[in-house]
Amino acid sequence: MKKYFFTGLVTLLPLTITIAVTVFLVNFLTKPFIGLVSHFLSLTKLQSYQFYFLTPEQLIRYGSKFLILVGLFLFTILLGVIARWVIFKFLFGISDKILHRIPLVNKVYKTTQDIIKNLFSSDKNSFKQVVMVPFPFEKSYSIGLVARESPHSCEKALNSELVSVFVPTTPNPTTGFILMFKKEDLIFLDIKTEDAIKYIVSCGVIVPEKAPELEVK
């Protein structure tokens, strides 16, 4: 019985987590527009229909979310096409400069812009090297991902070369800690990033396989 339970759990959990993440993303993307689209759909004959087990209200709500997602998808494609045109590149450049000059807005905009550029930049070493770090105290170790070098002011304050390491939490690796270590305090591992993430998400159940070691430049 115990063996069957754990087999079912292993089968069910990935599906449950996938559905939960998908529902969260759908709600996050559609929430700003759901009221407006639902209002327009309620003015149509759709409100008088009942689709299987869905009430008219549920039909309008789910239909609104579907239309919003389709609209966002098409808008993203259109924006990508427009962004490639020279004249619109010029306009986007002007708007970029304007947003950089607006107080408060420029802080949020520039920070978001820097994060996106760095995530999709050509710096192939970021989050590619898996390390063990002395955390949360000296005689214990946690799995971490090397981000890149630490801010110069931090290195100058300690008069030492520092490396920024992201230490994910278990079982949700999207949250964690950004810690700075001296390079000699890091233990570099020959583990793939995806295997390290599996190890963290599974709470240590899935043991990482070996992979060629990546050097931090």
N, C-alpha and C. Protein backbone atom coordinates (compact mmCIF):
# COMPACT_ATOMS: atom_id res chain seq x y z
N MET A 1 0.82 -1.20 0.00
CA MET A 1 0.00 0.00 0.00
C MET A 1 0.87 1.27 0.00
N LYS A 2 1.91 1.23 0.82
CA LYS A 2 2.80 2.39 0.91
C LYS A 2 3.49 2.64 -0.43
N LYS A 3 3.92 1.57 -1.09
CA LYS A 3 4.61 1.69 -2.37
C LYS A 3 3.68 2.29 -3.42
N TYR A 4 2.41 1.85 -3.44
CA TYR A 4 1.45 2.37 -4.41
C TYR A 4 1.15 3.85 -4.14
N PHE A 5 1.09 4.20 -2.84
CA PHE A 5 0.81 5.59 -2.48
C PHE A 5 1.91 6.52 -3.00
N PHE A 6 3.17 6.15 -2.78
CA PHE A 6 4.28 7.00 -3.22
C PHE A 6 4.37 7.03 -4.74
N THR A 7 4.04 5.93 -5.40
CA THR A 7 4.02 5.92 -6.86
C THR A 7 2.97 6.89 -7.39
N GLY A 8 1.80 6.86 -6.78
CA GLY A 8 0.74 7.80 -7.16
C GLY A 8 1.12 9.24 -6.87
N LEU A 9 1.82 9.44 -5.74
CA LEU A 9 2.25 10.79 -5.36
C LEU A 9 3.24 11.35 -6.36
N VAL A 10 4.20 10.53 -6.77
CA VAL A 10 5.21 10.96 -7.75
C VAL A 10 4.55 11.28 -9.09
N THR A 11 3.50 10.54 -9.42
CA THR A 11 2.78 10.78 -10.67
C THR A 11 1.93 12.03 -10.60
N LEU A 12 1.32 12.26 -9.45
CA LEU A 12 0.36 13.35 -9.31
C LEU A 12 1.01 14.71 -9.06
N LEU A 13 2.08 14.75 -8.28
CA LEU A 13 2.67 16.03 -7.88
C LEU A 13 3.12 16.90 -9.05
N PRO A 14 3.89 16.36 -10.03
CA PRO A 14 4.29 17.23 -11.15
C PRO A 14 3.11 17.84 -11.89
N LEU A 15 2.04 17.03 -12.07
CA LEU A 15 0.84 17.54 -12.75
C LEU A 15 0.17 18.63 -11.92
N THR A 16 0.09 18.41 -10.60
CA THR A 16 -0.54 19.39 -9.72
C THR A 16 0.22 20.71 -9.71
N ILE A 17 1.55 20.62 -9.61
CA ILE A 17 2.38 21.83 -9.60
C ILE A 17 2.27 22.56 -10.93
N THR A 18 2.26 21.80 -12.04
CA THR A 18 2.14 22.41 -13.37
C THR A 18 0.82 23.16 -13.51
N ILE A 19 -0.28 22.53 -13.05
CA ILE A 19 -1.60 23.17 -13.11
C ILE A 19 -1.63 24.41 -12.24
N ALA A 20 -1.05 24.33 -11.03
CA ALA A 20 -1.05 25.46 -10.11
C ALA A 20 -0.29 26.65 -10.69
N VAL A 21 0.87 26.38 -11.28
CA VAL A 21 1.67 27.45 -11.89
C VAL A 21 0.94 28.06 -13.09
N THR A 22 0.31 27.19 -13.90
CA THR A 22 -0.43 27.67 -15.07
C THR A 22 -1.60 28.55 -14.66
N VAL A 23 -2.35 28.12 -13.66
CA VAL A 23 -3.49 28.91 -13.17
C VAL A 23 -3.02 30.25 -12.62
N PHE A 24 -1.90 30.25 -11.90
CA PHE A 24 -1.37 31.50 -11.35
C PHE A 24 -0.99 32.47 -12.47
N LEU A 25 -0.32 31.96 -13.51
CA LEU A 25 0.09 32.81 -14.63
C LEU A 25 -1.10 33.36 -15.39
N VAL A 26 -2.10 32.50 -15.61
CA VAL A 26 -3.30 32.93 -16.33
C VAL A 26 -4.01 34.03 -15.55
N ASN A 27 -4.19 33.83 -14.24
CA ASN A 27 -4.84 34.84 -13.40
C ASN A 27 -4.03 36.14 -13.36
N PHE A 28 -2.71 36.01 -13.29
CA PHE A 28 -1.84 37.18 -13.23
C PHE A 28 -1.93 38.01 -14.51
N LEU A 29 -1.97 37.33 -15.66
CA LEU A 29 -1.99 38.03 -16.94
C LEU A 29 -3.37 38.62 -17.28
N THR A 30 -4.42 37.94 -16.84
CA THR A 30 -5.77 38.37 -17.24
C THR A 30 -6.43 39.31 -16.24
N LYS A 31 -5.93 39.37 -15.01
CA LYS A 31 -6.59 40.17 -13.96
C LYS A 31 -6.79 41.64 -14.32
N PRO A 32 -5.79 42.32 -14.93
CA PRO A 32 -6.00 43.75 -15.24
C PRO A 32 -7.10 44.01 -16.26
N PHE A 33 -7.47 43.02 -17.09
CA PHE A 33 -8.41 43.23 -18.18
C PHE A 33 -9.72 42.48 -18.01
N ILE A 34 -9.81 41.63 -16.99
CA ILE A 34 -10.96 40.73 -16.86
C ILE A 34 -12.27 41.49 -16.69
N GLY A 35 -12.26 42.60 -15.95
CA GLY A 35 -13.49 43.37 -15.72
C GLY A 35 -14.04 43.96 -17.00
N LEU A 36 -13.16 44.56 -17.81
CA LEU A 36 -13.59 45.22 -19.04
C LEU A 36 -14.12 44.21 -20.05
N VAL A 37 -13.37 43.10 -20.25
CA VAL A 37 -13.79 42.10 -21.23
C VAL A 37 -15.07 41.40 -20.78
N SER A 38 -15.18 41.11 -19.49
CA SER A 38 -16.39 40.46 -18.98
C SER A 38 -17.62 41.35 -19.18
N HIS A 39 -17.41 42.66 -19.03
CA HIS A 39 -18.52 43.60 -19.23
C HIS A 39 -19.03 43.55 -20.66
N PHE A 40 -18.11 43.54 -21.62
CA PHE A 40 -18.51 43.49 -23.02
C PHE A 40 -19.17 42.16 -23.37
N LEU A 41 -18.66 41.07 -22.83
CA LEU A 41 -19.26 39.75 -23.11
C LEU A 41 -20.64 39.62 -22.48
N SER A 42 -20.85 40.28 -21.35
CA SER A 42 -22.16 40.21 -20.68
C SER A 42 -23.24 40.92 -21.49
N LEU A 43 -22.82 41.81 -22.40
CA LEU A 43 -23.79 42.53 -23.24
C LEU A 43 -24.21 41.70 -24.45
N THR A 44 -23.53 40.59 -24.65
CA THR A 44 -23.86 39.71 -25.79
C THR A 44 -24.85 38.63 -25.37
N LYS A 45 -25.22 37.79 -26.32
CA LYS A 45 -26.16 36.69 -26.05
C LYS A 45 -25.50 35.54 -25.28
N LEU A 46 -24.18 35.66 -25.08
CA LEU A 46 -23.45 34.59 -24.39
C LEU A 46 -23.99 34.35 -22.99
N GLN A 47 -24.55 35.42 -22.40
CA GLN A 47 -25.04 35.32 -21.03
C GLN A 47 -26.27 34.41 -20.92
N SER A 48 -26.93 34.18 -22.03
CA SER A 48 -28.13 33.34 -22.00
C SER A 48 -27.83 31.87 -22.27
N TYR A 49 -26.57 31.55 -22.57
CA TYR A 49 -26.19 30.18 -22.86
C TYR A 49 -25.64 29.48 -21.62
N GLN A 50 -25.75 28.18 -21.61
CA GLN A 50 -25.14 27.36 -20.57
C GLN A 50 -24.40 26.21 -21.24
N PHE A 51 -23.09 26.16 -21.03
CA PHE A 51 -22.24 25.19 -21.72
C PHE A 51 -21.92 24.06 -20.76
N TYR A 52 -22.57 22.92 -20.96
CA TYR A 52 -22.40 21.75 -20.11
C TYR A 52 -22.61 22.11 -18.64
N PHE A 53 -21.54 21.96 -17.82
CA PHE A 53 -21.68 22.20 -16.38
C PHE A 53 -21.37 23.64 -16.00
N LEU A 54 -21.04 24.50 -16.96
CA LEU A 54 -20.68 25.89 -16.67
C LEU A 54 -21.92 26.77 -16.64
N THR A 55 -22.03 27.61 -15.62
CA THR A 55 -23.10 28.58 -15.55
C THR A 55 -22.79 29.73 -16.52
N PRO A 56 -23.78 30.55 -16.88
CA PRO A 56 -23.51 31.70 -17.76
C PRO A 56 -22.41 32.62 -17.22
N GLU A 57 -22.38 32.81 -15.89
CA GLU A 57 -21.35 33.67 -15.30
C GLU A 57 -19.96 33.07 -15.46
N GLN A 58 -19.85 31.75 -15.24
CA GLN A 58 -18.57 31.08 -15.41
C GLN A 58 -18.14 31.08 -16.87
N LEU A 59 -19.10 30.92 -17.77
CA LEU A 59 -18.81 30.93 -19.20
C LEU A 59 -18.25 32.28 -19.63
N ILE A 60 -18.82 33.34 -19.09
CA ILE A 60 -18.32 34.68 -19.42
C ILE A 60 -16.93 34.89 -18.84
N ARG A 61 -16.72 34.44 -17.60
CA ARG A 61 -15.41 34.65 -16.96
C ARG A 61 -14.31 33.87 -17.67
N TYR A 62 -14.55 32.61 -17.95
CA TYR A 62 -13.53 31.80 -18.62
C TYR A 62 -13.34 32.23 -20.08
N GLY A 63 -14.45 32.61 -20.71
CA GLY A 63 -14.35 33.12 -22.08
C GLY A 63 -13.55 34.41 -22.14
N SER A 64 -13.72 35.25 -21.13
CA SER A 64 -12.96 36.50 -21.06
C SER A 64 -11.48 36.22 -20.91
N LYS A 65 -11.13 35.27 -20.05
CA LYS A 65 -9.72 34.93 -19.86
C LYS A 65 -9.11 34.39 -21.14
N PHE A 66 -9.88 33.57 -21.85
CA PHE A 66 -9.37 33.00 -23.11
C PHE A 66 -9.12 34.11 -24.13
N LEU A 67 -10.09 35.03 -24.27
CA LEU A 67 -9.94 36.13 -25.22
C LEU A 67 -8.77 37.04 -24.85
N ILE A 68 -8.57 37.27 -23.55
CA ILE A 68 -7.47 38.12 -23.10
C ILE A 68 -6.13 37.47 -23.44
N LEU A 69 -6.00 36.17 -23.19
CA LEU A 69 -4.76 35.46 -23.49
C LEU A 69 -4.46 35.48 -24.98
N VAL A 70 -5.49 35.26 -25.81
CA VAL A 70 -5.31 35.32 -27.26
C VAL A 70 -4.89 36.73 -27.68
N GLY A 71 -5.55 37.73 -27.08
CA GLY A 71 -5.23 39.12 -27.39
C GLY A 71 -3.81 39.49 -26.99
N LEU A 72 -3.37 39.03 -25.81
CA LEU A 72 -2.01 39.30 -25.36
C LEU A 72 -0.98 38.62 -26.26
N PHE A 73 -1.29 37.40 -26.69
CA PHE A 73 -0.39 36.67 -27.59
C PHE A 73 -0.23 37.40 -28.92
N LEU A 74 -1.36 37.82 -29.49
CA LEU A 74 -1.32 38.53 -30.77
C LEU A 74 -0.65 39.89 -30.62
N PHE A 75 -0.92 40.56 -29.50
CA PHE A 75 -0.30 41.87 -29.26
C PHE A 75 1.21 41.75 -29.13
N THR A 76 1.67 40.69 -28.46
CA THR A 76 3.11 40.47 -28.30
C THR A 76 3.79 40.24 -29.65
N ILE A 77 3.12 39.43 -30.51
CA ILE A 77 3.67 39.20 -31.85
C ILE A 77 3.71 40.50 -32.64
N LEU A 78 2.62 41.27 -32.58
CA LEU A 78 2.55 42.54 -33.30
C LEU A 78 3.62 43.51 -32.81
N LEU A 79 3.81 43.54 -31.50
CA LEU A 79 4.82 44.43 -30.93
C LEU A 79 6.22 44.02 -31.38
N GLY A 80 6.45 42.70 -31.48
CA GLY A 80 7.75 42.23 -31.95
C GLY A 80 8.00 42.62 -33.39
N VAL A 81 6.94 42.55 -34.23
CA VAL A 81 7.08 42.96 -35.64
C VAL A 81 7.35 44.45 -35.74
N ILE A 82 6.60 45.23 -34.97
CA ILE A 82 6.75 46.69 -35.00
C ILE A 82 8.14 47.11 -34.52
N ALA A 83 8.61 46.42 -33.45
CA ALA A 83 9.90 46.79 -32.86
C ALA A 83 11.06 46.60 -33.84
N ARG A 84 10.85 45.78 -34.87
CA ARG A 84 11.91 45.53 -35.85
C ARG A 84 11.94 46.60 -36.94
N TRP A 85 10.92 47.40 -37.01
CA TRP A 85 10.92 48.44 -38.02
C TRP A 85 11.77 49.60 -37.55
N VAL A 86 12.54 50.17 -38.44
CA VAL A 86 13.50 51.22 -38.07
C VAL A 86 12.82 52.42 -37.45
N ILE A 87 11.73 52.87 -38.05
CA ILE A 87 11.07 54.08 -37.56
C ILE A 87 10.55 53.87 -36.14
N PHE A 88 10.04 52.67 -35.86
CA PHE A 88 9.52 52.40 -34.53
C PHE A 88 10.65 52.18 -33.53
N LYS A 89 11.79 51.69 -34.02
CA LYS A 89 12.95 51.61 -33.15
C LYS A 89 13.34 53.00 -32.67
N PHE A 90 13.23 53.97 -33.59
CA PHE A 90 13.55 55.35 -33.23
C PHE A 90 12.56 55.88 -32.18
N LEU A 91 11.27 55.58 -32.39
CA LEU A 91 10.25 56.03 -31.45
C LEU A 91 10.42 55.36 -30.08
N PHE A 92 10.74 54.06 -30.10
CA PHE A 92 10.98 53.35 -28.84
C PHE A 92 12.19 53.92 -28.12
N GLY A 93 13.20 54.35 -28.91
CA GLY A 93 14.38 54.97 -28.30
C GLY A 93 14.04 56.25 -27.60
N ILE A 94 13.17 57.07 -28.23
CA ILE A 94 12.74 58.34 -27.61
C ILE A 94 11.94 58.06 -26.34
N SER A 95 10.99 57.12 -26.43
CA SER A 95 10.17 56.79 -25.25
C SER A 95 11.04 56.24 -24.12
N ASP A 96 12.09 55.50 -24.50
CA ASP A 96 13.02 54.96 -23.50
C ASP A 96 13.72 56.09 -22.76
N LYS A 97 14.16 57.11 -23.52
CA LYS A 97 14.83 58.26 -22.90
C LYS A 97 13.87 59.04 -22.00
N ILE A 98 12.62 59.17 -22.45
CA ILE A 98 11.62 59.90 -21.65
C ILE A 98 11.36 59.17 -20.34
N LEU A 99 11.19 57.85 -20.41
CA LEU A 99 10.93 57.07 -19.20
C LEU A 99 12.11 57.11 -18.23
N HIS A 100 13.33 57.24 -18.78
CA HIS A 100 14.51 57.33 -17.92
C HIS A 100 14.61 58.67 -17.21
N ARG A 101 13.83 59.66 -17.66
CA ARG A 101 13.90 61.00 -17.07
C ARG A 101 12.77 61.28 -16.08
N ILE A 102 11.75 60.43 -16.07
CA ILE A 102 10.62 60.64 -15.16
C ILE A 102 10.98 60.15 -13.77
N PRO A 103 10.90 61.01 -12.75
CA PRO A 103 11.25 60.59 -11.38
C PRO A 103 10.38 59.43 -10.93
N LEU A 104 10.95 58.55 -10.13
CA LEU A 104 10.32 57.36 -9.58
C LEU A 104 10.07 56.31 -10.66
N VAL A 105 9.41 56.72 -11.77
CA VAL A 105 9.15 55.78 -12.86
C VAL A 105 10.47 55.26 -13.44
N ASN A 106 11.46 56.16 -13.54
CA ASN A 106 12.74 55.76 -14.14
C ASN A 106 13.45 54.69 -13.30
N LYS A 107 13.26 54.73 -11.99
CA LYS A 107 13.90 53.72 -11.13
C LYS A 107 13.33 52.33 -11.41
N VAL A 108 12.00 52.25 -11.45
CA VAL A 108 11.33 50.98 -11.70
C VAL A 108 11.64 50.49 -13.11
N TYR A 109 11.54 51.40 -14.08
CA TYR A 109 11.76 51.03 -15.49
C TYR A 109 13.18 50.55 -15.74
N LYS A 110 14.16 51.32 -15.22
CA LYS A 110 15.56 50.96 -15.44
C LYS A 110 15.92 49.65 -14.76
N THR A 111 15.41 49.44 -13.54
CA THR A 111 15.69 48.20 -12.83
C THR A 111 15.13 47.00 -13.58
N THR A 112 13.87 47.11 -14.03
CA THR A 112 13.24 46.03 -14.78
C THR A 112 13.98 45.78 -16.09
N GLN A 113 14.38 46.85 -16.76
CA GLN A 113 15.09 46.75 -18.03
C GLN A 113 16.43 46.04 -17.85
N ASP A 114 17.15 46.40 -16.79
CA ASP A 114 18.45 45.77 -16.53
C ASP A 114 18.31 44.29 -16.23
N ILE A 115 17.27 43.93 -15.46
CA ILE A 115 17.05 42.53 -15.11
C ILE A 115 16.76 41.71 -16.36
N ILE A 116 15.86 42.21 -17.21
CA ILE A 116 15.49 41.50 -18.43
C ILE A 116 16.69 41.35 -19.36
N LYS A 117 17.46 42.43 -19.52
CA LYS A 117 18.63 42.37 -20.41
C LYS A 117 19.65 41.38 -19.91
N ASN A 118 19.85 41.33 -18.60
CA ASN A 118 20.83 40.40 -18.04
C ASN A 118 20.37 38.96 -18.13
N LEU A 119 19.06 38.73 -17.97
CA LEU A 119 18.54 37.36 -18.06
C LEU A 119 18.69 36.81 -19.47
N PHE A 120 18.55 37.68 -20.46
CA PHE A 120 18.62 37.22 -21.84
C PHE A 120 19.88 37.70 -22.55
N SER A 121 20.89 38.05 -21.78
CA SER A 121 22.13 38.53 -22.36
C SER A 121 22.99 37.36 -22.80
N SER A 122 24.14 37.69 -23.38
CA SER A 122 25.05 36.66 -23.87
C SER A 122 26.00 36.16 -22.80
N ASP A 123 25.80 36.60 -21.55
CA ASP A 123 26.66 36.14 -20.46
C ASP A 123 26.27 34.71 -20.10
N LYS A 124 26.91 33.76 -20.75
CA LYS A 124 26.50 32.36 -20.65
C LYS A 124 26.91 31.71 -19.34
N ASN A 125 27.72 32.38 -18.53
CA ASN A 125 28.17 31.77 -17.28
C ASN A 125 27.20 32.01 -16.12
N SER A 126 26.29 32.98 -16.27
CA SER A 126 25.37 33.29 -15.19
C SER A 126 24.44 32.12 -14.90
N PHE A 127 24.40 31.71 -13.63
CA PHE A 127 23.55 30.61 -13.16
C PHE A 127 23.87 29.29 -13.85
N LYS A 128 25.07 29.15 -14.41
CA LYS A 128 25.47 27.90 -15.05
C LYS A 128 26.39 27.07 -14.17
N GLN A 129 27.02 27.71 -13.18
CA GLN A 129 27.94 27.00 -12.31
C GLN A 129 27.28 26.71 -10.96
N VAL A 130 27.27 25.44 -10.58
CA VAL A 130 26.69 25.03 -9.30
C VAL A 130 27.80 24.94 -8.26
N VAL A 131 27.54 25.47 -7.08
CA VAL A 131 28.54 25.47 -6.01
C VAL A 131 27.91 25.05 -4.69
N MET A 132 28.76 24.66 -3.75
CA MET A 132 28.35 24.50 -2.36
C MET A 132 28.89 25.69 -1.59
N VAL A 133 28.05 26.27 -0.75
CA VAL A 133 28.46 27.44 0.02
C VAL A 133 28.20 27.19 1.51
N PRO A 134 29.03 27.76 2.39
CA PRO A 134 28.81 27.61 3.83
C PRO A 134 27.63 28.47 4.27
N PHE A 135 26.45 27.89 4.26
CA PHE A 135 25.22 28.62 4.60
C PHE A 135 24.19 27.61 5.13
N PRO A 136 23.42 27.90 6.17
CA PRO A 136 23.30 29.19 6.88
C PRO A 136 24.37 29.45 7.94
N PHE A 137 25.21 28.47 8.22
CA PHE A 137 26.34 28.74 9.13
C PHE A 137 27.55 27.98 8.62
N GLU A 138 28.68 28.19 9.25
CA GLU A 138 29.97 27.77 8.70
C GLU A 138 30.09 26.28 8.45
N LYS A 139 29.58 25.44 9.33
CA LYS A 139 29.80 24.00 9.22
C LYS A 139 28.68 23.27 8.50
N SER A 140 27.80 24.01 7.84
CA SER A 140 26.77 23.39 7.00
C SER A 140 26.88 23.98 5.60
N TYR A 141 26.34 23.26 4.61
CA TYR A 141 26.50 23.70 3.23
C TYR A 141 25.15 23.70 2.50
N SER A 142 25.00 24.63 1.59
CA SER A 142 23.82 24.71 0.74
C SER A 142 24.24 24.75 -0.72
N ILE A 143 23.32 24.30 -1.58
CA ILE A 143 23.56 24.37 -3.02
C ILE A 143 23.27 25.79 -3.49
N GLY A 144 24.17 26.34 -4.30
CA GLY A 144 23.97 27.68 -4.84
C GLY A 144 24.33 27.75 -6.31
N LEU A 145 23.86 28.81 -6.97
CA LEU A 145 24.16 29.05 -8.38
C LEU A 145 24.93 30.36 -8.50
N VAL A 146 26.08 30.30 -9.15
CA VAL A 146 26.90 31.49 -9.30
C VAL A 146 26.21 32.46 -10.26
N ALA A 147 25.95 33.68 -9.79
CA ALA A 147 25.32 34.70 -10.62
C ALA A 147 26.37 35.40 -11.47
N ARG A 148 27.24 36.14 -10.83
CA ARG A 148 28.34 36.84 -11.49
C ARG A 148 29.19 37.49 -10.41
N GLU A 149 30.11 38.39 -10.78
CA GLU A 149 30.94 39.04 -9.78
C GLU A 149 30.10 39.98 -8.93
N SER A 150 30.56 40.23 -7.70
CA SER A 150 29.84 41.11 -6.78
C SER A 150 30.11 42.57 -7.11
N PRO A 151 29.28 43.49 -6.60
CA PRO A 151 29.51 44.93 -6.84
C PRO A 151 30.92 45.35 -6.41
N HIS A 152 31.52 46.23 -7.17
CA HIS A 152 32.89 46.66 -6.90
C HIS A 152 33.02 47.29 -5.52
N SER A 153 31.99 48.05 -5.12
CA SER A 153 32.05 48.71 -3.81
C SER A 153 32.11 47.70 -2.67
N CYS A 154 31.43 46.55 -2.85
CA CYS A 154 31.47 45.50 -1.82
C CYS A 154 32.86 44.87 -1.76
N GLU A 155 33.44 44.62 -2.93
CA GLU A 155 34.79 44.04 -2.97
C GLU A 155 35.80 45.01 -2.39
N LYS A 156 35.61 46.30 -2.67
CA LYS A 156 36.53 47.32 -2.17
C LYS A 156 36.45 47.42 -0.65
N ALA A 157 35.23 47.28 -0.11
CA ALA A 157 35.03 47.39 1.34
C ALA A 157 35.77 46.28 2.10
N LEU A 158 35.83 45.09 1.50
CA LEU A 158 36.51 43.96 2.13
C LEU A 158 37.92 43.74 1.59
N ASN A 159 38.25 44.51 0.56
CA ASN A 159 39.56 44.36 -0.11
C ASN A 159 39.79 42.92 -0.53
N SER A 160 38.75 42.34 -1.13
CA SER A 160 38.82 40.94 -1.54
C SER A 160 37.88 40.70 -2.71
N GLU A 161 38.24 39.74 -3.57
CA GLU A 161 37.38 39.39 -4.70
C GLU A 161 36.19 38.57 -4.19
N LEU A 162 34.98 39.01 -4.57
CA LEU A 162 33.75 38.36 -4.11
C LEU A 162 32.96 37.84 -5.30
N VAL A 163 32.21 36.77 -5.04
CA VAL A 163 31.34 36.19 -6.06
C VAL A 163 29.90 36.18 -5.54
N SER A 164 28.96 36.68 -6.35
CA SER A 164 27.55 36.66 -5.97
C SER A 164 26.96 35.29 -6.26
N VAL A 165 26.31 34.71 -5.26
CA VAL A 165 25.73 33.37 -5.39
C VAL A 165 24.26 33.42 -5.00
N PHE A 166 23.41 32.84 -5.85
CA PHE A 166 21.99 32.73 -5.53
C PHE A 166 21.75 31.37 -4.89
N VAL A 167 21.24 31.39 -3.66
CA VAL A 167 20.95 30.16 -2.93
C VAL A 167 19.43 29.96 -2.90
N PRO A 168 18.88 29.05 -3.74
CA PRO A 168 17.43 28.85 -3.81
C PRO A 168 16.90 28.17 -2.54
N THR A 169 15.62 28.39 -2.28
CA THR A 169 14.96 27.73 -1.16
C THR A 169 14.27 26.46 -1.64
N THR A 170 13.96 25.58 -0.71
CA THR A 170 13.28 24.32 -0.99
C THR A 170 11.85 24.38 -0.46
N PRO A 171 10.84 23.91 -1.21
CA PRO A 171 10.91 23.29 -2.55
C PRO A 171 10.67 24.29 -3.67
N ASN A 172 10.62 25.60 -3.35
CA ASN A 172 10.35 26.62 -4.36
C ASN A 172 11.65 27.35 -4.71
N PRO A 173 12.30 26.98 -5.82
CA PRO A 173 13.60 27.57 -6.15
C PRO A 173 13.51 28.97 -6.74
N THR A 174 12.29 29.51 -6.92
CA THR A 174 12.17 30.87 -7.45
C THR A 174 12.41 31.93 -6.39
N THR A 175 12.47 31.50 -5.13
CA THR A 175 12.84 32.41 -4.04
C THR A 175 14.15 31.93 -3.43
N GLY A 176 14.84 32.82 -2.75
CA GLY A 176 16.11 32.43 -2.16
C GLY A 176 16.87 33.63 -1.65
N PHE A 177 18.19 33.49 -1.56
CA PHE A 177 19.05 34.52 -1.01
C PHE A 177 20.19 34.84 -1.98
N ILE A 178 20.50 36.12 -2.10
CA ILE A 178 21.68 36.54 -2.85
C ILE A 178 22.79 36.79 -1.83
N LEU A 179 23.82 35.94 -1.87
CA LEU A 179 24.90 36.02 -0.90
C LEU A 179 26.22 36.25 -1.62
N MET A 180 27.15 36.91 -0.95
CA MET A 180 28.47 37.17 -1.52
C MET A 180 29.52 36.40 -0.74
N PHE A 181 30.34 35.65 -1.47
CA PHE A 181 31.37 34.82 -0.85
C PHE A 181 32.72 35.12 -1.49
N LYS A 182 33.78 34.88 -0.71
CA LYS A 182 35.11 34.89 -1.29
C LYS A 182 35.23 33.64 -2.15
N LYS A 183 35.94 33.75 -3.25
CA LYS A 183 36.01 32.65 -4.21
C LYS A 183 36.58 31.39 -3.57
N GLU A 184 37.53 31.57 -2.64
CA GLU A 184 38.14 30.39 -2.01
C GLU A 184 37.18 29.67 -1.06
N ASP A 185 36.07 30.34 -0.69
CA ASP A 185 35.09 29.71 0.20
C ASP A 185 34.07 28.86 -0.57
N LEU A 186 34.09 28.97 -1.90
CA LEU A 186 33.14 28.22 -2.72
C LEU A 186 33.70 26.85 -3.08
N ILE A 187 32.83 25.86 -3.10
CA ILE A 187 33.20 24.52 -3.55
C ILE A 187 32.47 24.28 -4.87
N PHE A 188 33.23 24.28 -5.98
CA PHE A 188 32.64 24.15 -7.30
C PHE A 188 32.31 22.68 -7.59
N LEU A 189 31.11 22.45 -8.11
CA LEU A 189 30.61 21.09 -8.33
C LEU A 189 30.44 20.81 -9.82
N ASP A 190 30.63 19.56 -10.21
CA ASP A 190 30.40 19.16 -11.59
C ASP A 190 28.97 18.65 -11.75
N ILE A 191 28.02 19.56 -11.51
CA ILE A 191 26.60 19.25 -11.58
C ILE A 191 25.92 20.25 -12.53
N LYS A 192 25.01 19.74 -13.36
CA LYS A 192 24.25 20.62 -14.23
C LYS A 192 23.27 21.46 -13.41
N THR A 193 22.99 22.67 -13.90
CA THR A 193 22.06 23.56 -13.20
C THR A 193 20.69 22.92 -13.03
N GLU A 194 20.18 22.30 -14.10
CA GLU A 194 18.85 21.70 -14.03
C GLU A 194 18.80 20.54 -13.03
N ASP A 195 19.92 19.81 -12.90
CA ASP A 195 19.96 18.72 -11.93
C ASP A 195 19.99 19.26 -10.50
N ALA A 196 20.68 20.38 -10.32
CA ALA A 196 20.71 21.01 -9.00
C ALA A 196 19.32 21.51 -8.61
N ILE A 197 18.58 22.07 -9.58
CA ILE A 197 17.23 22.55 -9.32
C ILE A 197 16.31 21.38 -8.97
N LYS A 198 16.46 20.26 -9.68
CA LYS A 198 15.66 19.06 -9.36
C LYS A 198 15.95 18.60 -7.94
N TYR A 199 17.21 18.65 -7.55
CA TYR A 199 17.61 18.24 -6.20
C TYR A 199 16.94 19.13 -5.15
N ILE A 200 16.88 20.45 -5.45
CA ILE A 200 16.30 21.40 -4.51
C ILE A 200 14.78 21.24 -4.43
N VAL A 201 14.14 21.14 -5.61
CA VAL A 201 12.67 21.02 -5.65
C VAL A 201 12.21 19.72 -5.00
N SER A 202 12.96 18.65 -5.17
CA SER A 202 12.58 17.35 -4.62
C SER A 202 12.96 17.19 -3.15
N CYS A 203 13.47 18.28 -2.54
CA CYS A 203 13.90 18.25 -1.14
C CYS A 203 15.00 17.20 -0.91
N GLY A 204 15.87 17.04 -1.91
CA GLY A 204 17.02 16.14 -1.77
C GLY A 204 16.76 14.72 -2.18
N VAL A 205 15.55 14.43 -2.70
CA VAL A 205 15.22 13.05 -3.08
C VAL A 205 15.90 12.67 -4.39
N ILE A 206 15.88 13.59 -5.37
CA ILE A 206 16.49 13.32 -6.67
C ILE A 206 17.95 13.76 -6.62
N VAL A 207 18.86 12.80 -6.67
CA VAL A 207 20.29 13.09 -6.57
C VAL A 207 20.83 13.48 -7.94
N PRO A 208 21.56 14.61 -8.03
CA PRO A 208 22.07 15.07 -9.33
C PRO A 208 23.07 14.10 -9.95
N GLU A 209 23.06 14.07 -11.28
CA GLU A 209 24.04 13.29 -12.01
C GLU A 209 25.26 14.15 -12.29
N LYS A 210 26.37 13.50 -12.56
CA LYS A 210 27.60 14.23 -12.83
C LYS A 210 27.57 14.81 -14.23
N ALA A 211 28.25 15.97 -14.38
CA ALA A 211 28.36 16.64 -15.67
C ALA A 211 29.71 17.33 -15.73
N PRO A 212 30.22 17.67 -16.94
CA PRO A 212 31.49 18.36 -17.05
C PRO A 212 31.51 19.66 -16.25
N GLU A 213 32.58 19.88 -15.53
CA GLU A 213 32.65 21.06 -14.68
C GLU A 213 32.81 22.32 -15.50
N LEU A 214 32.07 23.37 -15.09
CA LEU A 214 32.14 24.66 -15.76
C LEU A 214 32.98 25.60 -14.91
N GLU A 215 33.87 26.33 -15.55
CA GLU A 215 34.73 27.25 -14.83
C GLU A 215 34.13 28.63 -14.81
N VAL A 216 34.27 29.31 -13.67
CA VAL A 216 33.79 30.67 -13.54
C VAL A 216 34.89 31.61 -14.00
N LYS A 217 34.56 32.46 -14.96
CA LYS A 217 35.56 33.41 -15.49
C LYS A 217 35.43 34.74 -14.76
